């Protein structure tokens, strides 16, 4: 009879341990989901911030380009179309420089930011 009690107690203990294991695994899953949600939210917030700042930068550079075109026209006494053509040539050269250094200027910093956001706690 003592053997049955030990077996019963052993089965109860095993069942209790399995119950605790299930609770532990459920909580670990919940923790992983919350962690993924937090990292996703941080990434989306960073992207939204970058897009907002980018929009303001575009508006700023459009206004600056118009002002520079008018300034070039006034300084060099050329037609307005010529002034904007010269400004476009400058932007074309700047675009080429940015294109050739795109890996160092854009890809690597963005990649580092994404990795830092996803893999740091």
N, C-alpha and C. Protein backbone atom coordinates (compact mmCIF):
# COMPACT_ATOMS: atom_id res chain seq x y z
N UNK A 1 0.81 -1.19 0.00
CA UNK A 1 0.00 0.00 0.00
C UNK A 1 0.86 1.26 0.00
N UNK A 2 1.99 1.18 0.71
CA UNK A 2 2.88 2.32 0.76
C UNK A 2 3.41 2.66 -0.62
N UNK A 3 3.59 1.63 -1.44
CA UNK A 3 4.08 1.83 -2.79
C UNK A 3 3.06 2.61 -3.62
N UNK A 4 1.79 2.38 -3.44
CA UNK A 4 0.75 3.09 -4.17
C UNK A 4 0.72 4.57 -3.78
N UNK A 5 0.92 4.83 -2.53
CA UNK A 5 0.93 6.21 -2.06
C UNK A 5 2.12 6.95 -2.67
N UNK A 6 3.27 6.30 -2.71
CA UNK A 6 4.45 6.92 -3.31
C UNK A 6 4.22 7.16 -4.80
N UNK A 7 3.60 6.20 -5.48
CA UNK A 7 3.32 6.36 -6.90
C UNK A 7 2.31 7.48 -7.11
N UNK A 8 1.30 7.52 -6.28
CA UNK A 8 0.30 8.58 -6.37
C UNK A 8 0.91 9.94 -6.12
N UNK A 9 1.76 10.02 -5.10
CA UNK A 9 2.43 11.28 -4.79
C UNK A 9 3.36 11.68 -5.93
N UNK A 10 4.04 10.70 -6.48
CA UNK A 10 4.94 10.95 -7.61
C UNK A 10 4.17 11.46 -8.81
N UNK A 11 3.02 10.86 -9.09
CA UNK A 11 2.19 11.31 -10.22
C UNK A 11 1.65 12.72 -9.96
N UNK A 12 1.27 12.99 -8.72
CA UNK A 12 0.79 14.34 -8.39
C UNK A 12 1.90 15.37 -8.58
N UNK A 13 3.09 15.02 -8.10
CA UNK A 13 4.23 15.93 -8.24
C UNK A 13 4.58 16.15 -9.71
N UNK A 14 4.52 15.08 -10.50
CA UNK A 14 4.81 15.21 -11.93
C UNK A 14 3.75 16.08 -12.60
N UNK A 15 2.49 15.87 -12.25
CA UNK A 15 1.42 16.70 -12.81
C UNK A 15 1.57 18.15 -12.43
N UNK A 16 1.96 18.38 -11.18
CA UNK A 16 2.18 19.75 -10.71
C UNK A 16 3.36 20.39 -11.45
N UNK A 17 4.41 19.63 -11.67
CA UNK A 17 5.58 20.13 -12.39
C UNK A 17 5.21 20.46 -13.84
N UNK A 18 4.40 19.60 -14.45
CA UNK A 18 3.95 19.86 -15.83
C UNK A 18 3.09 21.12 -15.87
N UNK A 19 2.26 21.30 -14.88
CA UNK A 19 1.44 22.52 -14.80
C UNK A 19 2.30 23.77 -14.70
N UNK A 20 3.32 23.71 -13.83
CA UNK A 20 4.24 24.85 -13.71
C UNK A 20 5.01 25.09 -15.00
N UNK A 21 5.37 24.00 -15.69
CA UNK A 21 6.08 24.13 -16.96
C UNK A 21 5.20 24.81 -18.00
N UNK A 22 3.92 24.44 -18.04
CA UNK A 22 2.99 25.06 -18.99
C UNK A 22 2.85 26.55 -18.69
N UNK A 23 2.70 26.89 -17.42
CA UNK A 23 2.59 28.31 -17.04
C UNK A 23 3.86 29.06 -17.41
N UNK A 24 5.01 28.46 -17.16
CA UNK A 24 6.29 29.08 -17.50
C UNK A 24 6.40 29.32 -19.00
N UNK A 25 6.06 28.31 -19.79
CA UNK A 25 6.16 28.44 -21.24
C UNK A 25 5.18 29.49 -21.78
N UNK A 26 3.98 29.54 -21.22
CA UNK A 26 3.02 30.56 -21.64
C UNK A 26 3.53 31.96 -21.34
N UNK A 27 4.12 32.12 -20.17
CA UNK A 27 4.65 33.44 -19.79
C UNK A 27 5.86 33.82 -20.63
N UNK A 28 6.68 32.84 -20.96
CA UNK A 28 7.83 33.12 -21.83
C UNK A 28 7.34 33.55 -23.22
N UNK A 29 6.28 32.89 -23.71
CA UNK A 29 5.71 33.26 -25.01
C UNK A 29 5.15 34.67 -24.96
N UNK A 30 4.43 34.99 -23.88
CA UNK A 30 3.90 36.34 -23.72
C UNK A 30 5.02 37.37 -23.66
N UNK A 31 6.08 37.04 -22.96
CA UNK A 31 7.23 37.94 -22.85
C UNK A 31 7.88 38.16 -24.22
N UNK A 32 8.02 37.09 -24.99
CA UNK A 32 8.61 37.20 -26.33
C UNK A 32 7.72 38.07 -27.23
N UNK A 33 6.40 37.89 -27.12
CA UNK A 33 5.48 38.71 -27.92
C UNK A 33 5.58 40.18 -27.53
N UNK A 34 5.62 40.45 -26.24
CA UNK A 34 5.74 41.84 -25.78
C UNK A 34 7.07 42.46 -26.21
N UNK A 35 8.13 41.67 -26.14
CA UNK A 35 9.44 42.15 -26.57
C UNK A 35 9.44 42.48 -28.06
N UNK A 36 8.84 41.59 -28.85
CA UNK A 36 8.76 41.84 -30.31
C UNK A 36 7.90 43.06 -30.60
N UNK A 37 6.80 43.22 -29.86
CA UNK A 37 5.94 44.39 -30.05
C UNK A 37 6.69 45.68 -29.69
N UNK A 38 7.45 45.64 -28.60
CA UNK A 38 8.21 46.82 -28.19
C UNK A 38 9.26 47.19 -29.24
N UNK A 39 9.97 46.20 -29.74
CA UNK A 39 10.99 46.48 -30.75
C UNK A 39 10.36 46.97 -32.05
N UNK A 40 9.24 46.40 -32.43
CA UNK A 40 8.54 46.87 -33.64
C UNK A 40 8.07 48.30 -33.46
N UNK A 41 7.53 48.61 -32.30
CA UNK A 41 7.06 49.97 -32.03
C UNK A 41 8.21 50.97 -32.08
N UNK A 42 9.35 50.59 -31.51
CA UNK A 42 10.52 51.48 -31.56
C UNK A 42 10.97 51.70 -33.00
N UNK A 43 10.97 50.61 -33.80
CA UNK A 43 11.39 50.73 -35.19
C UNK A 43 10.42 51.62 -35.97
N UNK A 44 9.13 51.43 -35.76
CA UNK A 44 8.14 52.24 -36.48
C UNK A 44 8.20 53.69 -36.03
N UNK A 45 8.45 53.93 -34.76
CA UNK A 45 8.58 55.31 -34.28
C UNK A 45 9.79 55.99 -34.90
N UNK A 46 10.89 55.24 -35.00
CA UNK A 46 12.09 55.81 -35.63
C UNK A 46 11.83 56.11 -37.10
N UNK A 47 11.12 55.22 -37.79
CA UNK A 47 10.80 55.45 -39.20
C UNK A 47 9.87 56.64 -39.37
N UNK A 48 8.86 56.76 -38.50
CA UNK A 48 7.94 57.89 -38.58
C UNK A 48 8.66 59.21 -38.32
N UNK A 49 9.57 59.19 -37.36
CA UNK A 49 10.36 60.39 -37.07
C UNK A 49 11.22 60.77 -38.26
N UNK A 50 11.88 59.78 -38.85
CA UNK A 50 12.73 60.05 -40.01
C UNK A 50 11.91 60.57 -41.19
N UNK A 51 10.74 60.01 -41.39
CA UNK A 51 9.90 60.48 -42.50
C UNK A 51 9.40 61.90 -42.26
N UNK A 52 9.03 62.21 -41.03
CA UNK A 52 8.57 63.57 -40.71
C UNK A 52 9.70 64.57 -40.89
N UNK A 53 10.87 64.24 -40.36
CA UNK A 53 12.02 65.14 -40.53
C UNK A 53 12.39 65.26 -42.00
N UNK A 54 12.29 64.17 -42.73
CA UNK A 54 12.58 64.20 -44.17
C UNK A 54 11.62 65.11 -44.92
N UNK A 55 10.34 65.08 -44.55
CA UNK A 55 9.35 65.95 -45.20
C UNK A 55 9.66 67.41 -44.93
N UNK A 56 10.00 67.74 -43.68
CA UNK A 56 10.36 69.12 -43.36
C UNK A 56 11.65 69.53 -44.08
N UNK A 57 12.59 68.61 -44.19
CA UNK A 57 13.84 68.91 -44.89
C UNK A 57 13.57 69.18 -46.37
N UNK A 58 12.66 68.41 -46.97
CA UNK A 58 12.33 68.63 -48.39
C UNK A 58 11.71 70.01 -48.59
N UNK A 59 10.80 70.39 -47.70
CA UNK A 59 10.18 71.71 -47.81
C UNK A 59 11.24 72.80 -47.65
N UNK A 60 12.12 72.63 -46.68
CA UNK A 60 13.20 73.59 -46.45
C UNK A 60 14.08 73.72 -47.70
N UNK A 61 14.49 72.57 -48.27
CA UNK A 61 15.38 72.63 -49.43
C UNK A 61 14.68 73.14 -50.68
N UNK A 62 13.40 72.94 -50.80
CA UNK A 62 12.67 73.53 -51.93
C UNK A 62 12.68 75.06 -51.82
N UNK A 63 12.36 75.55 -50.63
CA UNK A 63 12.38 77.01 -50.42
C UNK A 63 13.79 77.56 -50.60
N UNK A 64 14.77 76.84 -50.09
CA UNK A 64 16.17 77.27 -50.23
C UNK A 64 16.58 77.29 -51.70
N UNK A 65 16.14 76.31 -52.46
CA UNK A 65 16.49 76.26 -53.89
C UNK A 65 15.90 77.44 -54.65
N UNK A 66 14.67 77.79 -54.33
CA UNK A 66 14.06 78.95 -54.99
C UNK A 66 14.84 80.22 -54.63
N UNK A 67 15.16 80.35 -53.35
CA UNK A 67 15.92 81.53 -52.91
C UNK A 67 17.29 81.57 -53.57
N UNK A 68 17.97 80.43 -53.65
CA UNK A 68 19.29 80.40 -54.30
C UNK A 68 19.20 80.70 -55.78
N UNK A 69 18.17 80.19 -56.43
CA UNK A 69 17.98 80.50 -57.85
C UNK A 69 17.79 81.98 -58.08
N UNK A 70 16.99 82.61 -57.24
CA UNK A 70 16.79 84.05 -57.36
C UNK A 70 18.06 84.82 -57.03
N UNK A 71 18.83 84.33 -56.05
CA UNK A 71 20.08 84.98 -55.69
C UNK A 71 21.10 84.86 -56.82
N UNK A 72 21.20 83.69 -57.43
CA UNK A 72 22.13 83.50 -58.57
C UNK A 72 21.74 84.43 -59.71
N UNK A 73 20.45 84.56 -59.96
CA UNK A 73 19.98 85.45 -61.03
C UNK A 73 20.41 86.88 -60.75
N UNK A 74 20.29 87.27 -59.51
CA UNK A 74 20.62 88.65 -59.15
C UNK A 74 22.13 88.88 -59.17
N UNK A 75 22.91 87.92 -58.63
CA UNK A 75 24.36 88.11 -58.54
C UNK A 75 25.03 88.08 -59.91
N UNK A 76 24.63 87.15 -60.77
CA UNK A 76 25.29 86.99 -62.06
C UNK A 76 24.55 87.66 -63.19
N UNK A 77 23.42 88.27 -62.89
CA UNK A 77 22.61 88.98 -63.87
C UNK A 77 22.33 88.11 -65.09
N UNK A 78 21.79 86.93 -64.82
CA UNK A 78 21.41 86.00 -65.88
C UNK A 78 19.90 85.81 -65.82
N UNK A 79 19.38 85.14 -66.85
CA UNK A 79 17.94 84.86 -66.85
C UNK A 79 17.61 83.88 -65.72
N UNK A 80 16.38 83.91 -65.31
CA UNK A 80 15.94 83.04 -64.23
C UNK A 80 16.12 81.57 -64.60
N UNK A 81 15.83 81.23 -65.83
CA UNK A 81 15.99 79.83 -66.26
C UNK A 81 17.46 79.41 -66.19
N UNK A 82 18.37 80.29 -66.55
CA UNK A 82 19.80 79.98 -66.49
C UNK A 82 20.24 79.78 -65.04
N UNK A 83 19.74 80.61 -64.14
CA UNK A 83 20.08 80.50 -62.73
C UNK A 83 19.63 79.14 -62.18
N UNK A 84 18.42 78.75 -62.52
CA UNK A 84 17.93 77.45 -62.04
C UNK A 84 18.63 76.29 -62.74
N UNK A 85 19.06 76.49 -63.96
CA UNK A 85 19.83 75.46 -64.65
C UNK A 85 21.18 75.26 -63.95
N UNK A 86 21.85 76.36 -63.58
CA UNK A 86 23.11 76.26 -62.84
C UNK A 86 22.90 75.57 -61.49
N UNK A 87 21.85 75.92 -60.82
CA UNK A 87 21.53 75.29 -59.53
C UNK A 87 21.24 73.80 -59.72
N UNK A 88 20.56 73.45 -60.79
CA UNK A 88 20.29 72.03 -61.09
C UNK A 88 21.58 71.27 -61.36
N UNK A 89 22.53 71.91 -62.04
CA UNK A 89 23.82 71.28 -62.28
C UNK A 89 24.56 71.00 -60.97
N UNK A 90 24.49 71.95 -60.05
CA UNK A 90 25.10 71.75 -58.74
C UNK A 90 24.44 70.58 -58.03
N UNK A 91 23.11 70.52 -58.07
CA UNK A 91 22.41 69.41 -57.42
C UNK A 91 22.71 68.07 -58.09
N UNK A 92 22.92 68.09 -59.39
CA UNK A 92 23.28 66.86 -60.10
C UNK A 92 24.64 66.35 -59.61
N UNK A 93 25.61 67.26 -59.50
CA UNK A 93 26.93 66.86 -58.99
C UNK A 93 26.84 66.36 -57.54
N UNK A 94 26.06 67.04 -56.74
CA UNK A 94 25.86 66.61 -55.36
C UNK A 94 25.20 65.23 -55.32
N UNK A 95 24.24 65.00 -56.20
CA UNK A 95 23.59 63.69 -56.29
C UNK A 95 24.56 62.59 -56.68
N UNK A 96 25.47 62.88 -57.61
CA UNK A 96 26.48 61.89 -57.99
C UNK A 96 27.40 61.54 -56.82
N UNK A 97 27.81 62.56 -56.10
CA UNK A 97 28.67 62.33 -54.93
C UNK A 97 27.94 61.48 -53.90
N UNK A 98 26.69 61.82 -53.62
CA UNK A 98 25.90 61.03 -52.66
C UNK A 98 25.70 59.60 -53.15
N UNK A 99 25.53 59.43 -54.46
CA UNK A 99 25.34 58.09 -55.01
C UNK A 99 26.59 57.23 -54.81
N UNK A 100 27.74 57.81 -55.06
CA UNK A 100 28.97 57.03 -54.94
C UNK A 100 29.33 56.72 -53.48
N UNK A 101 28.89 57.55 -52.57
CA UNK A 101 29.16 57.31 -51.15
C UNK A 101 27.91 56.84 -50.40
N UNK A 102 26.93 56.30 -51.10
CA UNK A 102 25.66 55.91 -50.49
C UNK A 102 25.83 54.81 -49.44
N UNK A 103 26.77 53.90 -49.67
CA UNK A 103 26.98 52.80 -48.72
C UNK A 103 27.42 53.36 -47.36
N UNK A 104 28.39 54.24 -47.39
CA UNK A 104 28.94 54.80 -46.16
C UNK A 104 27.98 55.81 -45.52
N UNK A 105 27.28 56.59 -46.34
CA UNK A 105 26.44 57.65 -45.80
C UNK A 105 25.05 57.20 -45.38
N UNK A 106 24.48 56.20 -46.08
CA UNK A 106 23.09 55.83 -45.82
C UNK A 106 22.92 54.38 -45.38
N UNK A 107 23.41 53.45 -46.18
CA UNK A 107 23.14 52.03 -45.93
C UNK A 107 23.71 51.57 -44.60
N UNK A 108 24.98 51.81 -44.36
CA UNK A 108 25.60 51.33 -43.11
C UNK A 108 24.98 51.96 -41.86
N UNK A 109 24.77 53.28 -41.80
CA UNK A 109 24.14 53.84 -40.59
C UNK A 109 22.72 53.33 -40.36
N UNK A 110 21.95 53.18 -41.42
CA UNK A 110 20.58 52.67 -41.27
C UNK A 110 20.61 51.23 -40.80
N UNK A 111 21.49 50.44 -41.38
CA UNK A 111 21.62 49.04 -40.98
C UNK A 111 22.04 48.93 -39.51
N UNK A 112 22.98 49.75 -39.09
CA UNK A 112 23.40 49.75 -37.69
C UNK A 112 22.26 50.15 -36.76
N UNK A 113 21.46 51.13 -37.18
CA UNK A 113 20.32 51.56 -36.36
C UNK A 113 19.29 50.44 -36.22
N UNK A 114 19.00 49.75 -37.32
CA UNK A 114 18.03 48.66 -37.27
C UNK A 114 18.55 47.53 -36.38
N UNK A 115 19.80 47.16 -36.54
CA UNK A 115 20.38 46.08 -35.73
C UNK A 115 20.39 46.48 -34.27
N UNK A 116 20.77 47.73 -33.98
CA UNK A 116 20.81 48.20 -32.60
C UNK A 116 19.41 48.18 -31.99
N UNK A 117 18.41 48.61 -32.76
CA UNK A 117 17.05 48.63 -32.24
C UNK A 117 16.50 47.23 -32.02
N UNK A 118 16.80 46.32 -32.92
CA UNK A 118 16.24 44.97 -32.82
C UNK A 118 16.94 44.08 -31.81
N UNK A 119 18.23 44.28 -31.62
CA UNK A 119 18.99 43.33 -30.81
C UNK A 119 19.54 43.85 -29.50
N UNK A 120 19.12 45.05 -29.09
CA UNK A 120 19.51 45.52 -27.76
C UNK A 120 18.28 45.57 -26.87
N UNK A 121 18.52 45.38 -25.60
CA UNK A 121 17.38 45.36 -24.68
C UNK A 121 17.27 46.65 -23.92
